[in-house]
Amino acid sequence: MTISGNETYNAKGRIWIEINNKTFIGEGKALLLEKTAELGSLRKAAADLNISYRKAWYSLNQMNKTAETPLITLKHGGKQGGIAEISEFGEKVLKKFKRLKMEFSAFLDEQTKSLNR
């Protein structure tokens, strides 16, 4: 498809994965999962991403409940706080989502080129 004119066209889109018609993981949840694994703390990840702990906990809890296996386990702690550990399944989901996002981005880039030929 060729669009004429002087305008520049861009193909845009968002991607997420659903399980049984329920959102499982999208860009925001993937970033939360990655930050939680990196920092070892849901509270620190929430602060780093500038979201409330409650929203972060809810998002992670929804992913864990929707998945066949928990993506992250939270262990309650004392004065230093708890520990958050990503599971092998969580690492696999994150890796697959990143690959899917990269492929989707490449698709959108190709479509943008096509729009502007």
PDB file of N, CA and C in Angstrom:
ATOM      1  N   MET A   1       0.845  -1.175   0.000  1.00  0.00           N
ATOM      2  CA  MET A   1       0.000   0.000   0.000  1.00  0.00           C
ATOM      3  C   MET A   1       0.887   1.234   0.000  1.00  0.00           C
ATOM      4  N   THR A   2       0.617   2.129  -0.876  1.00  0.00           N
ATOM      5  CA  THR A   2       1.365   3.373  -0.935  1.00  0.00           C
ATOM      6  C   THR A   2       0.424   4.509  -0.597  1.00  0.00           C
ATOM      7  N   ILE A   3       0.865   5.365   0.266  1.00  0.00           N
ATOM      8  CA  ILE A   3       0.094   6.547   0.629  1.00  0.00           C
ATOM      9  C   ILE A   3       0.833   7.738   0.048  1.00  0.00           C
ATOM     10  N   SER A   4       0.126   8.550  -0.688  1.00  0.00           N
ATOM     11  CA  SER A   4       0.786   9.698  -1.305  1.00  0.00           C
ATOM     12  C   SER A   4       0.718  10.905  -0.387  1.00  0.00           C
ATOM     13  N   GLY A   5       1.549  11.868  -0.685  1.00  0.00           N
ATOM     14  CA  GLY A   5       1.567  13.098   0.091  1.00  0.00           C
ATOM     15  C   GLY A   5       2.927  13.317   0.720  1.00  0.00           C
ATOM     16  N   ASN A   6       3.046  14.380   1.451  1.00  0.00           N
ATOM     17  CA  ASN A   6       4.310  14.745   2.088  1.00  0.00           C
ATOM     18  C   ASN A   6       4.415  14.272   3.527  1.00  0.00           C
ATOM     19  N   GLU A   7       3.363  13.672   4.035  1.00  0.00           N
ATOM     20  CA  GLU A   7       3.352  13.235   5.429  1.00  0.00           C
ATOM     21  C   GLU A   7       4.246  12.014   5.638  1.00  0.00           C
ATOM     22  N   THR A   8       4.715  11.855   6.853  1.00  0.00           N
ATOM     23  CA  THR A   8       5.447  10.660   7.245  1.00  0.00           C
ATOM     24  C   THR A   8       4.503   9.820   8.091  1.00  0.00           C
ATOM     25  N   TYR A   9       4.355   8.564   7.719  1.00  0.00           N
ATOM     26  CA  TYR A   9       3.447   7.660   8.416  1.00  0.00           C
ATOM     27  C   TYR A   9       4.244   6.681   9.268  1.00  0.00           C
ATOM     28  N   ASN A  10       3.695   6.358  10.418  1.00  0.00           N
ATOM     29  CA  ASN A  10       4.331   5.408  11.333  1.00  0.00           C
ATOM     30  C   ASN A  10       3.315   4.354  11.761  1.00  0.00           C
ATOM     31  N   ALA A  11       3.696   3.106  11.676  1.00  0.00           N
ATOM     32  CA  ALA A  11       2.870   2.011  12.193  1.00  0.00           C
ATOM     33  C   ALA A  11       3.215   1.849  13.671  1.00  0.00           C
ATOM     34  N   LYS A  12       2.216   1.841  14.536  1.00  0.00           N
ATOM     35  CA  LYS A  12       2.408   1.726  15.980  1.00  0.00           C
ATOM     36  C   LYS A  12       1.552   0.589  16.514  1.00  0.00           C
ATOM     37  N   GLY A  13       1.943   0.053  17.608  1.00  0.00           N
ATOM     38  CA  GLY A  13       1.163  -1.010  18.220  1.00  0.00           C
ATOM     39  C   GLY A  13       1.718  -1.401  19.575  1.00  0.00           C
ATOM     40  N   ARG A  14       0.901  -2.085  20.330  1.00  0.00           N
ATOM     41  CA  ARG A  14       1.310  -2.623  21.626  1.00  0.00           C
ATOM     42  C   ARG A  14       1.065  -4.115  21.595  1.00  0.00           C
ATOM     43  N   ILE A  15       1.828  -4.822  22.389  1.00  0.00           N
ATOM     44  CA  ILE A  15       1.710  -6.271  22.381  1.00  0.00           C
ATOM     45  C   ILE A  15       1.622  -6.793  23.814  1.00  0.00           C
ATOM     46  N   TRP A  16       0.840  -7.817  23.983  1.00  0.00           N
ATOM     47  CA  TRP A  16       0.738  -8.490  25.271  1.00  0.00           C
ATOM     48  C   TRP A  16       0.344  -9.935  25.022  1.00  0.00           C
ATOM     49  N   ILE A  17       0.490 -10.740  26.041  1.00  0.00           N
ATOM     50  CA  ILE A  17       0.126 -12.158  25.961  1.00  0.00           C
ATOM     51  C   ILE A  17      -1.044 -12.390  26.900  1.00  0.00           C
ATOM     52  N   GLU A  18      -2.023 -13.128  26.414  1.00  0.00           N
ATOM     53  CA  GLU A  18      -3.180 -13.491  27.232  1.00  0.00           C
ATOM     54  C   GLU A  18      -3.185 -14.993  27.470  1.00  0.00           C
ATOM     55  N   ILE A  19      -3.778 -15.382  28.580  1.00  0.00           N
ATOM     56  CA  ILE A  19      -4.039 -16.785  28.873  1.00  0.00           C
ATOM     57  C   ILE A  19      -5.538 -16.885  29.135  1.00  0.00           C
ATOM     58  N   ASN A  20      -6.231 -17.684  28.351  1.00  0.00           N
ATOM     59  CA  ASN A  20      -7.685 -17.843  28.485  1.00  0.00           C
ATOM     60  C   ASN A  20      -8.402 -16.501  28.518  1.00  0.00           C
ATOM     61  N   ASN A  21      -8.036 -15.617  27.592  1.00  0.00           N
ATOM     62  CA  ASN A  21      -8.638 -14.291  27.430  1.00  0.00           C
ATOM     63  C   ASN A  21      -8.393 -13.343  28.598  1.00  0.00           C
ATOM     64  N   LYS A  22      -7.405 -13.642  29.431  1.00  0.00           N
ATOM     65  CA  LYS A  22      -7.020 -12.746  30.524  1.00  0.00           C
ATOM     66  C   LYS A  22      -5.600 -12.272  30.250  1.00  0.00           C
ATOM     67  N   THR A  23      -5.375 -10.958  30.411  1.00  0.00           N
ATOM     68  CA  THR A  23      -4.037 -10.429  30.196  1.00  0.00           C
ATOM     69  C   THR A  23      -3.075 -11.093  31.166  1.00  0.00           C
ATOM     70  N   PHE A  24      -2.005 -11.629  30.602  1.00  0.00           N
ATOM     71  CA  PHE A  24      -0.983 -12.288  31.390  1.00  0.00           C
ATOM     72  C   PHE A  24       0.223 -11.369  31.568  1.00  0.00           C
ATOM     73  N   ILE A  25       0.808 -10.936  30.461  1.00  0.00           N
ATOM     74  CA  ILE A  25       1.984 -10.076  30.550  1.00  0.00           C
ATOM     75  C   ILE A  25       2.017  -9.137  29.344  1.00  0.00           C
ATOM     76  N   GLY A  26       2.344  -7.903  29.646  1.00  0.00           N
ATOM     77  CA  GLY A  26       2.543  -6.876  28.628  1.00  0.00           C
ATOM     78  C   GLY A  26       3.810  -6.116  28.978  1.00  0.00           C
ATOM     79  N   GLU A  27       4.018  -4.993  28.337  1.00  0.00           N
ATOM     80  CA  GLU A  27       5.255  -4.251  28.548  1.00  0.00           C
ATOM     81  C   GLU A  27       5.452  -3.811  29.997  1.00  0.00           C
ATOM     82  N   GLY A  28       4.411  -3.302  30.629  1.00  0.00           N
ATOM     83  CA  GLY A  28       4.530  -2.839  32.011  1.00  0.00           C
ATOM     84  C   GLY A  28       4.832  -3.974  32.985  1.00  0.00           C
ATOM     85  N   LYS A  29       4.112  -5.063  32.848  1.00  0.00           N
ATOM     86  CA  LYS A  29       4.341  -6.205  33.738  1.00  0.00           C
ATOM     87  C   LYS A  29       5.701  -6.838  33.486  1.00  0.00           C
ATOM     88  N   ALA A  30       6.123  -6.852  32.221  1.00  0.00           N
ATOM     89  CA  ALA A  30       7.448  -7.401  31.905  1.00  0.00           C
ATOM     90  C   ALA A  30       8.534  -6.548  32.559  1.00  0.00           C
ATOM     91  N   LEU A  31       8.374  -5.242  32.501  1.00  0.00           N
ATOM     92  CA  LEU A  31       9.345  -4.347  33.123  1.00  0.00           C
ATOM     93  C   LEU A  31       9.356  -4.528  34.639  1.00  0.00           C
ATOM     94  N   LEU A  32       8.179  -4.681  35.235  1.00  0.00           N
ATOM     95  CA  LEU A  32       8.088  -4.925  36.675  1.00  0.00           C
ATOM     96  C   LEU A  32       8.764  -6.240  37.045  1.00  0.00           C
ATOM     97  N   LEU A  33       8.522  -7.273  36.277  1.00  0.00           N
ATOM     98  CA  LEU A  33       9.137  -8.579  36.520  1.00  0.00           C
ATOM     99  C   LEU A  33      10.656  -8.478  36.420  1.00  0.00           C
ATOM    100  N   GLU A  34      11.134  -7.809  35.393  1.00  0.00           N
ATOM    101  CA  GLU A  34      12.573  -7.653  35.184  1.00  0.00           C
ATOM    102  C   GLU A  34      13.227  -6.860  36.317  1.00  0.00           C
ATOM    103  N   LYS A  35      12.603  -5.744  36.710  1.00  0.00           N
ATOM    104  CA  LYS A  35      13.159  -4.905  37.786  1.00  0.00           C
ATOM    105  C   LYS A  35      13.135  -5.632  39.121  1.00  0.00           C
ATOM    106  N   THR A  36      12.066  -6.370  39.384  1.00  0.00           N
ATOM    107  CA  THR A  36      11.965  -7.116  40.635  1.00  0.00           C
ATOM    108  C   THR A  36      13.067  -8.163  40.721  1.00  0.00           C
ATOM    109  N   ALA A  37      13.287  -8.859  39.607  1.00  0.00           N
ATOM    110  CA  ALA A  37      14.354  -9.863  39.569  1.00  0.00           C
ATOM    111  C   ALA A  37      15.715  -9.198  39.742  1.00  0.00           C
ATOM    112  N   GLU A  38      15.922  -8.073  39.090  1.00  0.00           N
ATOM    113  CA  GLU A  38      17.202  -7.362  39.137  1.00  0.00           C
ATOM    114  C   GLU A  38      17.507  -6.841  40.540  1.00  0.00           C
ATOM    115  N   LEU A  39      16.493  -6.269  41.193  1.00  0.00           N
ATOM    116  CA  LEU A  39      16.704  -5.644  42.496  1.00  0.00           C
ATOM    117  C   LEU A  39      16.463  -6.588  43.669  1.00  0.00           C
ATOM    118  N   GLY A  40      15.808  -7.720  43.411  1.00  0.00           N
ATOM    119  CA  GLY A  40      15.540  -8.684  44.472  1.00  0.00           C
ATOM    120  C   GLY A  40      14.497  -8.224  45.463  1.00  0.00           C
ATOM    121  N   SER A  41      13.713  -7.206  45.071  1.00  0.00           N
ATOM    122  CA  SER A  41      12.717  -6.641  45.969  1.00  0.00           C
ATOM    123  C   SER A  41      11.589  -6.011  45.163  1.00  0.00           C
ATOM    124  N   LEU A  42      10.353  -6.400  45.477  1.00  0.00           N
ATOM    125  CA  LEU A  42       9.200  -5.812  44.811  1.00  0.00           C
ATOM    126  C   LEU A  42       9.057  -4.342  45.206  1.00  0.00           C
ATOM    127  N   ARG A  43       9.304  -4.033  46.470  1.00  0.00           N
ATOM    128  CA  ARG A  43       9.191  -2.641  46.939  1.00  0.00           C
ATOM    129  C   ARG A  43      10.190  -1.739  46.215  1.00  0.00           C
ATOM    130  N   LYS A  44      11.427  -2.196  46.063  1.00  0.00           N
ATOM    131  CA  LYS A  44      12.450  -1.407  45.363  1.00  0.00           C
ATOM    132  C   LYS A  44      12.109  -1.263  43.889  1.00  0.00           C
ATOM    133  N   ALA A  45      11.606  -2.339  43.283  1.00  0.00           N
ATOM    134  CA  ALA A  45      11.222  -2.288  41.868  1.00  0.00           C
ATOM    135  C   ALA A  45      10.094  -1.286  41.665  1.00  0.00           C
ATOM    136  N   ALA A  46       9.101  -1.307  42.557  1.00  0.00           N
ATOM    137  CA  ALA A  46       7.978  -0.366  42.462  1.00  0.00           C
ATOM    138  C   ALA A  46       8.476   1.076  42.572  1.00  0.00           C
ATOM    139  N   ALA A  47       9.361   1.328  43.523  1.00  0.00           N
ATOM    140  CA  ALA A  47       9.905   2.676  43.694  1.00  0.00           C
ATOM    141  C   ALA A  47      10.701   3.092  42.457  1.00  0.00           C
ATOM    142  N   ASP A  48      11.499   2.184  41.923  1.00  0.00           N
ATOM    143  CA  ASP A  48      12.312   2.481  40.746  1.00  0.00           C
ATOM    144  C   ASP A  48      11.445   2.790  39.527  1.00  0.00           C
ATOM    145  N   LEU A  49      10.310   2.120  39.418  1.00  0.00           N
ATOM    146  CA  LEU A  49       9.398   2.322  38.288  1.00  0.00           C
ATOM    147  C   LEU A  49       8.364   3.414  38.556  1.00  0.00           C
ATOM    148  N   ASN A  50       8.439   3.994  39.753  1.00  0.00           N
ATOM    149  CA  ASN A  50       7.530   5.073  40.155  1.00  0.00           C
ATOM    150  C   ASN A  50       6.059   4.642  40.137  1.00  0.00           C
ATOM    151  N   ILE A  51       5.803   3.434  40.658  1.00  0.00           N
ATOM    152  CA  ILE A  51       4.437   2.952  40.834  1.00  0.00           C
ATOM    153  C   ILE A  51       4.275   2.564  42.303  1.00  0.00           C
ATOM    154  N   SER A  52       3.044   2.506  42.749  1.00  0.00           N
ATOM    155  CA  SER A  52       2.813   2.163  44.144  1.00  0.00           C
ATOM    156  C   SER A  52       3.132   0.688  44.387  1.00  0.00           C
ATOM    157  N   TYR A  53       3.507   0.395  45.624  1.00  0.00           N
ATOM    158  CA  TYR A  53       3.775  -0.993  45.994  1.00  0.00           C
ATOM    159  C   TYR A  53       2.508  -1.830  45.789  1.00  0.00           C
ATOM    160  N   ARG A  54       1.375  -1.247  46.125  1.00  0.00           N
ATOM    161  CA  ARG A  54       0.103  -1.960  46.002  1.00  0.00           C
ATOM    162  C   ARG A  54      -0.161  -2.370  44.547  1.00  0.00           C
ATOM    163  N   LYS A  55       0.057  -1.426  43.610  1.00  0.00           N
ATOM    164  CA  LYS A  55      -0.143  -1.729  42.195  1.00  0.00           C
ATOM    165  C   LYS A  55       0.858  -2.796  41.730  1.00  0.00           C
ATOM    166  N   ALA A  56       2.103  -2.673  42.167  1.00  0.00           N
ATOM    167  CA  ALA A  56       3.131  -3.646  41.796  1.00  0.00           C
ATOM    168  C   ALA A  56       2.767  -5.032  42.324  1.00  0.00           C
ATOM    169  N   TRP A  57       2.355  -5.098  43.578  1.00  0.00           N
ATOM    170  CA  TRP A  57       1.990  -6.383  44.180  1.00  0.00           C
ATOM    171  C   TRP A  57       0.791  -6.987  43.454  1.00  0.00           C
ATOM    172  N   TYR A  58      -0.203  -6.164  43.159  1.00  0.00           N
ATOM    173  CA  TYR A  58      -1.402  -6.642  42.457  1.00  0.00           C
ATOM    174  C   TYR A  58      -1.030  -7.204  41.078  1.00  0.00           C
ATOM    175  N   SER A  59      -0.193  -6.475  40.335  1.00  0.00           N
ATOM    176  CA  SER A  59       0.219  -6.923  39.002  1.00  0.00           C
ATOM    177  C   SER A  59       0.963  -8.245  39.070  1.00  0.00           C
ATOM    178  N   LEU A  60       1.894  -8.344  39.984  1.00  0.00           N
ATOM    179  CA  LEU A  60       2.664  -9.573  40.142  1.00  0.00           C
ATOM    180  C   LEU A  60       1.771 -10.723  40.594  1.00  0.00           C
ATOM    181  N   ASN A  61       0.879 -10.447  41.500  1.00  0.00           N
ATOM    182  CA  ASN A  61      -0.044 -11.464  41.989  1.00  0.00           C
ATOM    183  C   ASN A  61      -0.942 -11.976  40.858  1.00  0.00           C
ATOM    184  N   GLN A  62      -1.414 -11.072  40.002  1.00  0.00           N
ATOM    185  CA  GLN A  62      -2.244 -11.476  38.869  1.00  0.00           C
ATOM    186  C   GLN A  62      -1.462 -12.374  37.908  1.00  0.00           C
ATOM    187  N   MET A  63      -0.203 -12.012  37.638  1.00  0.00           N
ATOM    188  CA  MET A  63       0.623 -12.857  36.768  1.00  0.00           C
ATOM    189  C   MET A  63       0.811 -14.239  37.385  1.00  0.00           C
ATOM    190  N   ASN A  64       1.131 -14.266  38.672  1.00  0.00           N
ATOM    191  CA  ASN A  64       1.357 -15.544  39.357  1.00  0.00           C
ATOM    192  C   ASN A  64       0.098 -16.404  39.371  1.00  0.00           C
ATOM    193  N   LYS A  65      -1.069 -15.782  39.562  1.00  0.00           N
ATOM    194  CA  LYS A  65      -2.321 -16.530  39.599  1.00  0.00           C
ATOM    195  C   LYS A  65      -2.736 -17.022  38.220  1.00  0.00           C
ATOM    196  N   THR A  66      -2.412 -16.264  37.186  1.00  0.00           N
ATOM    197  CA  THR A  66      -2.793 -16.623  35.824  1.00  0.00           C
ATOM    198  C   THR A  66      -1.890 -17.707  35.253  1.00  0.00           C
ATOM    199  N   ALA A  67      -0.634 -17.689  35.641  1.00  0.00           N
ATOM    200  CA  ALA A  67       0.355 -18.631  35.098  1.00  0.00           C
ATOM    201  C   ALA A  67       0.192 -20.023  35.703  1.00  0.00           C
ATOM    202  N   GLU A  68       0.759 -20.997  34.993  1.00  0.00           N
ATOM    203  CA  GLU A  68       0.748 -22.376  35.487  1.00  0.00           C
ATOM    204  C   GLU A  68       1.669 -22.548  36.690  1.00  0.00           C
ATOM    205  N   THR A  69       2.679 -21.693  36.767  1.00  0.00           N
ATOM    206  CA  THR A  69       3.691 -21.721  37.825  1.00  0.00           C
ATOM    207  C   THR A  69       4.013 -20.280  38.193  1.00  0.00           C
ATOM    208  N   PRO A  70       4.244 -19.973  39.472  1.00  0.00           N
ATOM    209  CA  PRO A  70       4.599 -18.593  39.832  1.00  0.00           C
ATOM    210  C   PRO A  70       5.853 -18.105  39.109  1.00  0.00           C
ATOM    211  N   LEU A  71       5.824 -16.829  38.727  1.00  0.00           N
ATOM    212  CA  LEU A  71       6.957 -16.218  38.044  1.00  0.00           C
ATOM    213  C   LEU A  71       7.969 -15.687  39.042  1.00  0.00           C
ATOM    214  N   ILE A  72       7.456 -15.197  40.153  1.00  0.00           N
ATOM    215  CA  ILE A  72       8.317 -14.658  41.216  1.00  0.00           C
ATOM    216  C   ILE A  72       7.759 -15.126  42.552  1.00  0.00           C
ATOM    217  N   THR A  73       8.648 -15.480  43.453  1.00  0.00           N
ATOM    218  CA  THR A  73       8.220 -15.799  44.814  1.00  0.00           C
ATOM    219  C   THR A  73       8.675 -14.671  45.728  1.00  0.00           C
ATOM    220  N   LEU A  74       7.783 -14.291  46.614  1.00  0.00           N
ATOM    221  CA  LEU A  74       8.076 -13.244  47.587  1.00  0.00           C
ATOM    222  C   LEU A  74       8.237 -13.889  48.951  1.00  0.00           C
ATOM    223  N   LYS A  75       9.358 -13.598  49.599  1.00  0.00           N
ATOM    224  CA  LYS A  75       9.615 -14.108  50.938  1.00  0.00           C
ATOM    225  C   LYS A  75       9.648 -12.922  51.882  1.00  0.00           C
ATOM    226  N   HIS A  76       8.761 -12.944  52.857  1.00  0.00           N
ATOM    227  CA  HIS A  76       8.673 -11.837  53.804  1.00  0.00           C
ATOM    228  C   HIS A  76       9.905 -11.813  54.697  1.00  0.00           C
ATOM    229  N   GLY A  77      10.357 -10.605  54.984  1.00  0.00           N
ATOM    230  CA  GLY A  77      11.565 -10.444  55.787  1.00  0.00           C
ATOM    231  C   GLY A  77      11.307  -9.613  57.018  1.00  0.00           C
ATOM    232  N   GLY A  78      12.356  -9.338  57.724  1.00  0.00           N
ATOM    233  CA  GLY A  78      12.283  -8.542  58.944  1.00  0.00           C
ATOM    234  C   GLY A  78      12.563  -7.083  58.652  1.00  0.00           C
ATOM    235  N   LYS A  79      13.506  -6.517  59.397  1.00  0.00           N
ATOM    236  CA  LYS A  79      13.808  -5.094  59.264  1.00  0.00           C
ATOM    237  C   LYS A  79      14.331  -4.725  57.882  1.00  0.00           C
ATOM    238  N   GLN A  80      15.100  -5.603  57.264  1.00  0.00           N
ATOM    239  CA  GLN A  80      15.650  -5.318  55.942  1.00  0.00           C
ATOM    240  C   GLN A  80      14.634  -5.526  54.824  1.00  0.00           C
ATOM    241  N   GLY A  81      13.484  -6.064  55.128  1.00  0.00           N
ATOM    242  CA  GLY A  81      12.470  -6.313  54.115  1.00  0.00           C
ATOM    243  C   GLY A  81      12.567  -7.721  53.566  1.00  0.00           C
ATOM    244  N   GLY A  82      11.700  -8.001  52.608  1.00  0.00           N
ATOM    245  CA  GLY A  82      11.647  -9.342  52.042  1.00  0.00           C
ATOM    246  C   GLY A  82      12.549  -9.504  50.837  1.00  0.00           C
ATOM    247  N   ILE A  83      12.487 -10.691  50.287  1.00  0.00           N
ATOM    248  CA  ILE A  83      13.283 -11.032  49.116  1.00  0.00           C
ATOM    249  C   ILE A  83      12.320 -11.482  48.021  1.00  0.00           C
ATOM    250  N   ALA A  84      12.595 -11.047  46.810  1.00  0.00           N
ATOM    251  CA  ALA A  84      11.822 -11.487  45.653  1.00  0.00           C
ATOM    252  C   ALA A  84      12.767 -12.239  44.720  1.00  0.00           C
ATOM    253  N   GLU A  85      12.375 -13.447  44.356  1.00  0.00           N
ATOM    254  CA  GLU A  85      13.212 -14.272  43.479  1.00  0.00           C
ATOM    255  C   GLU A  85      12.415 -14.700  42.264  1.00  0.00           C
ATOM    256  N   ILE A  86      13.004 -14.491  41.087  1.00  0.00           N
ATOM    257  CA  ILE A  86      12.352 -14.918  39.848  1.00  0.00           C
ATOM    258  C   ILE A  86      12.557 -16.421  39.685  1.00  0.00           C
ATOM    259  N   SER A  87      11.507 -17.082  39.261  1.00  0.00           N
ATOM    260  CA  SER A  87      11.598 -18.529  39.048  1.00  0.00           C
ATOM    261  C   SER A  87      12.167 -18.808  37.654  1.00  0.00           C
ATOM    262  N   GLU A  88      12.512 -20.050  37.431  1.00  0.00           N
ATOM    263  CA  GLU A  88      12.989 -20.457  36.103  1.00  0.00           C
ATOM    264  C   GLU A  88      11.896 -20.193  35.068  1.00  0.00           C
ATOM    265  N   PHE A  89      10.662 -20.458  35.454  1.00  0.00           N
ATOM    266  CA  PHE A  89       9.532 -20.206  34.565  1.00  0.00           C
ATOM    267  C   PHE A  89       9.404 -18.705  34.291  1.00  0.00           C
ATOM    268  N   GLY A  90       9.599 -17.878  35.317  1.00  0.00           N
ATOM    269  CA  GLY A  90       9.545 -16.432  35.151  1.00  0.00           C
ATOM    270  C   GLY A  90      10.605 -15.930  34.184  1.00  0.00           C
ATOM    271  N   GLU A  91      11.807 -16.475  34.293  1.00  0.00           N
ATOM    272  CA  GLU A  91      12.886 -16.104  33.370  1.00  0.00           C
ATOM    273  C   GLU A  91      12.529 -16.495  31.940  1.00  0.00           C
ATOM    274  N   LYS A  92      11.929 -17.673  31.784  1.00  0.00           N
ATOM    275  CA  LYS A  92      11.531 -18.157  30.460  1.00  0.00           C
ATOM    276  C   LYS A  92      10.454 -17.252  29.855  1.00  0.00           C
ATOM    277  N   VAL A  93       9.460 -16.895  30.653  1.00  0.00           N
ATOM    278  CA  VAL A  93       8.380 -16.014  30.182  1.00  0.00           C
ATOM    279  C   VAL A  93       8.947 -14.663  29.770  1.00  0.00           C
ATOM    280  N   LEU A  94       9.816 -14.102  30.602  1.00  0.00           N
ATOM    281  CA  LEU A  94      10.412 -12.804  30.313  1.00  0.00           C
ATOM    282  C   LEU A  94      11.236 -12.857  29.019  1.00  0.00           C
ATOM    283  N   LYS A  95      12.013 -13.899  28.849  1.00  0.00           N
ATOM    284  CA  LYS A  95      12.832 -14.053  27.638  1.00  0.00           C
ATOM    285  C   LYS A  95      11.950 -14.160  26.395  1.00  0.00           C
ATOM    286  N   LYS A  96      10.895 -14.960  26.483  1.00  0.00           N
ATOM    287  CA  LYS A  96       9.998 -15.131  25.334  1.00  0.00           C
ATOM    288  C   LYS A  96       9.247 -13.836  25.023  1.00  0.00           C
ATOM    289  N   PHE A  97       8.825 -13.119  26.055  1.00  0.00           N
ATOM    290  CA  PHE A  97       8.122 -11.858  25.823  1.00  0.00           C
ATOM    291  C   PHE A  97       9.046 -10.840  25.158  1.00  0.00           C
ATOM    292  N   LYS A  98      10.292 -10.762  25.617  1.00  0.00           N
ATOM    293  CA  LYS A  98      11.248  -9.828  25.014  1.00  0.00           C
ATOM    294  C   LYS A  98      11.482 -10.158  23.541  1.00  0.00           C
ATOM    295  N   ARG A  99      11.601 -11.444  23.228  1.00  0.00           N
ATOM    296  CA  ARG A  99      11.797 -11.847  21.841  1.00  0.00           C
ATOM    297  C   ARG A  99      10.573 -11.479  20.997  1.00  0.00           C
ATOM    298  N   LEU A 100       9.386 -11.743  21.533  1.00  0.00           N
ATOM    299  CA  LEU A 100       8.151 -11.414  20.835  1.00  0.00           C
ATOM    300  C   LEU A 100       8.054  -9.907  20.599  1.00  0.00           C
ATOM    301  N   LYS A 101       8.408  -9.126  21.603  1.00  0.00           N
ATOM    302  CA  LYS A 101       8.368  -7.666  21.485  1.00  0.00           C
ATOM    303  C   LYS A 101       9.353  -7.181  20.418  1.00  0.00           C
ATOM    304  N   MET A 102      10.533  -7.776  20.380  1.00  0.00           N
ATOM    305  CA  MET A 102      11.542  -7.399  19.400  1.00  0.00           C
ATOM    306  C   MET A 102      11.059  -7.730  17.981  1.00  0.00           C
ATOM    307  N   GLU A 103      10.474  -8.901  17.810  1.00  0.00           N
ATOM    308  CA  GLU A 103       9.959  -9.297  16.504  1.00  0.00           C
ATOM    309  C   GLU A 103       8.786  -8.409  16.080  1.00  0.00           C
ATOM    310  N   PHE A 104       7.943  -8.053  17.030  1.00  0.00           N
ATOM    311  CA  PHE A 104       6.812  -7.171  16.745  1.00  0.00           C
ATOM    312  C   PHE A 104       7.311  -5.781  16.344  1.00  0.00           C
ATOM    313  N   SER A 105       8.331  -5.304  17.024  1.00  0.00           N
ATOM    314  CA  SER A 105       8.920  -4.011  16.695  1.00  0.00           C
ATOM    315  C   SER A 105       9.503  -4.024  15.285  1.00  0.00           C
ATOM    316  N   ALA A 106      10.168  -5.100  14.915  1.00  0.00           N
ATOM    317  CA  ALA A 106      10.721  -5.229  13.570  1.00  0.00           C
ATOM    318  C   ALA A 106       9.595  -5.246  12.531  1.00  0.00           C
ATOM    319  N   PHE A 107       8.503  -5.922  12.843  1.00  0.00           N
ATOM    320  CA  PHE A 107       7.337  -5.943  11.965  1.00  0.00           C
ATOM    321  C   PHE A 107       6.794  -4.534  11.768  1.00  0.00           C
ATOM    322  N   LEU A 108       6.655  -3.782  12.861  1.00  0.00           N
ATOM    323  CA  LEU A 108       6.143  -2.414  12.760  1.00  0.00           C
ATOM    324  C   LEU A 108       7.082  -1.524  11.958  1.00  0.00           C
ATOM    325  N   ASP A 109       8.388  -1.698  12.132  1.00  0.00           N
ATOM    326  CA  ASP A 109       9.360  -0.927  11.351  1.00  0.00           C
ATOM    327  C   ASP A 109       9.196  -1.212   9.867  1.00  0.00           C
ATOM    328  N   GLU A 110       9.022  -2.472   9.523  1.00  0.00           N
ATOM    329  CA  GLU A 110       8.847  -2.850   8.113  1.00  0.00           C
ATOM    330  C   GLU A 110       7.559  -2.256   7.553  1.00  0.00           C
ATOM    331  N   GLN A 111       6.500  -2.285   8.350  1.00  0.00           N
ATOM    332  CA  GLN A 111       5.223  -1.722   7.898  1.00  0.00           C
ATOM    333  C   GLN A 111       5.341  -0.195   7.734  1.00  0.00           C
ATOM    334  N   THR A 112       6.081   0.455   8.603  1.00  0.00           N
ATOM    335  CA  THR A 112       6.289   1.904   8.491  1.00  0.00           C
ATOM    336  C   THR A 112       7.030   2.227   7.194  1.00  0.00           C
ATOM    337  N   LYS A 113       8.045   1.442   6.887  1.00  0.00           N
ATOM    338  CA  LYS A 113       8.778   1.640   5.622  1.00  0.00           C
ATOM    339  C   LYS A 113       7.819   1.475   4.434  1.00  0.00           C
ATOM    340  N   SER A 114       6.985   0.464   4.508  1.00  0.00           N
ATOM    341  CA  SER A 114       6.034   0.198   3.437  1.00  0.00           C
ATOM    342  C   SER A 114       5.053   1.355   3.254  1.00  0.00           C
ATOM    343  N   LEU A 115       4.613   1.951   4.343  1.00  0.00           N
ATOM    344  CA  LEU A 115       3.680   3.066   4.275  1.00  0.00           C
ATOM    345  C   LEU A 115       4.288   4.296   3.606  1.00  0.00           C
ATOM    346  N   ASN A 116       5.585   4.435   3.707  1.00  0.00           N
ATOM    347  CA  ASN A 116       6.253   5.644   3.238  1.00  0.00           C
ATOM    348  C   ASN A 116       6.984   5.479   1.905  1.00  0.00           C
ATOM    349  N   ARG A 117       6.758   4.380   1.208  1.00  0.00           N
ATOM    350  CA  ARG A 117       7.400   4.163  -0.096  1.00  0.00           C
ATOM    351  C   ARG A 117       6.654   4.908  -1.179  1.00  0.00           C
TER     352      ARG A 117
END
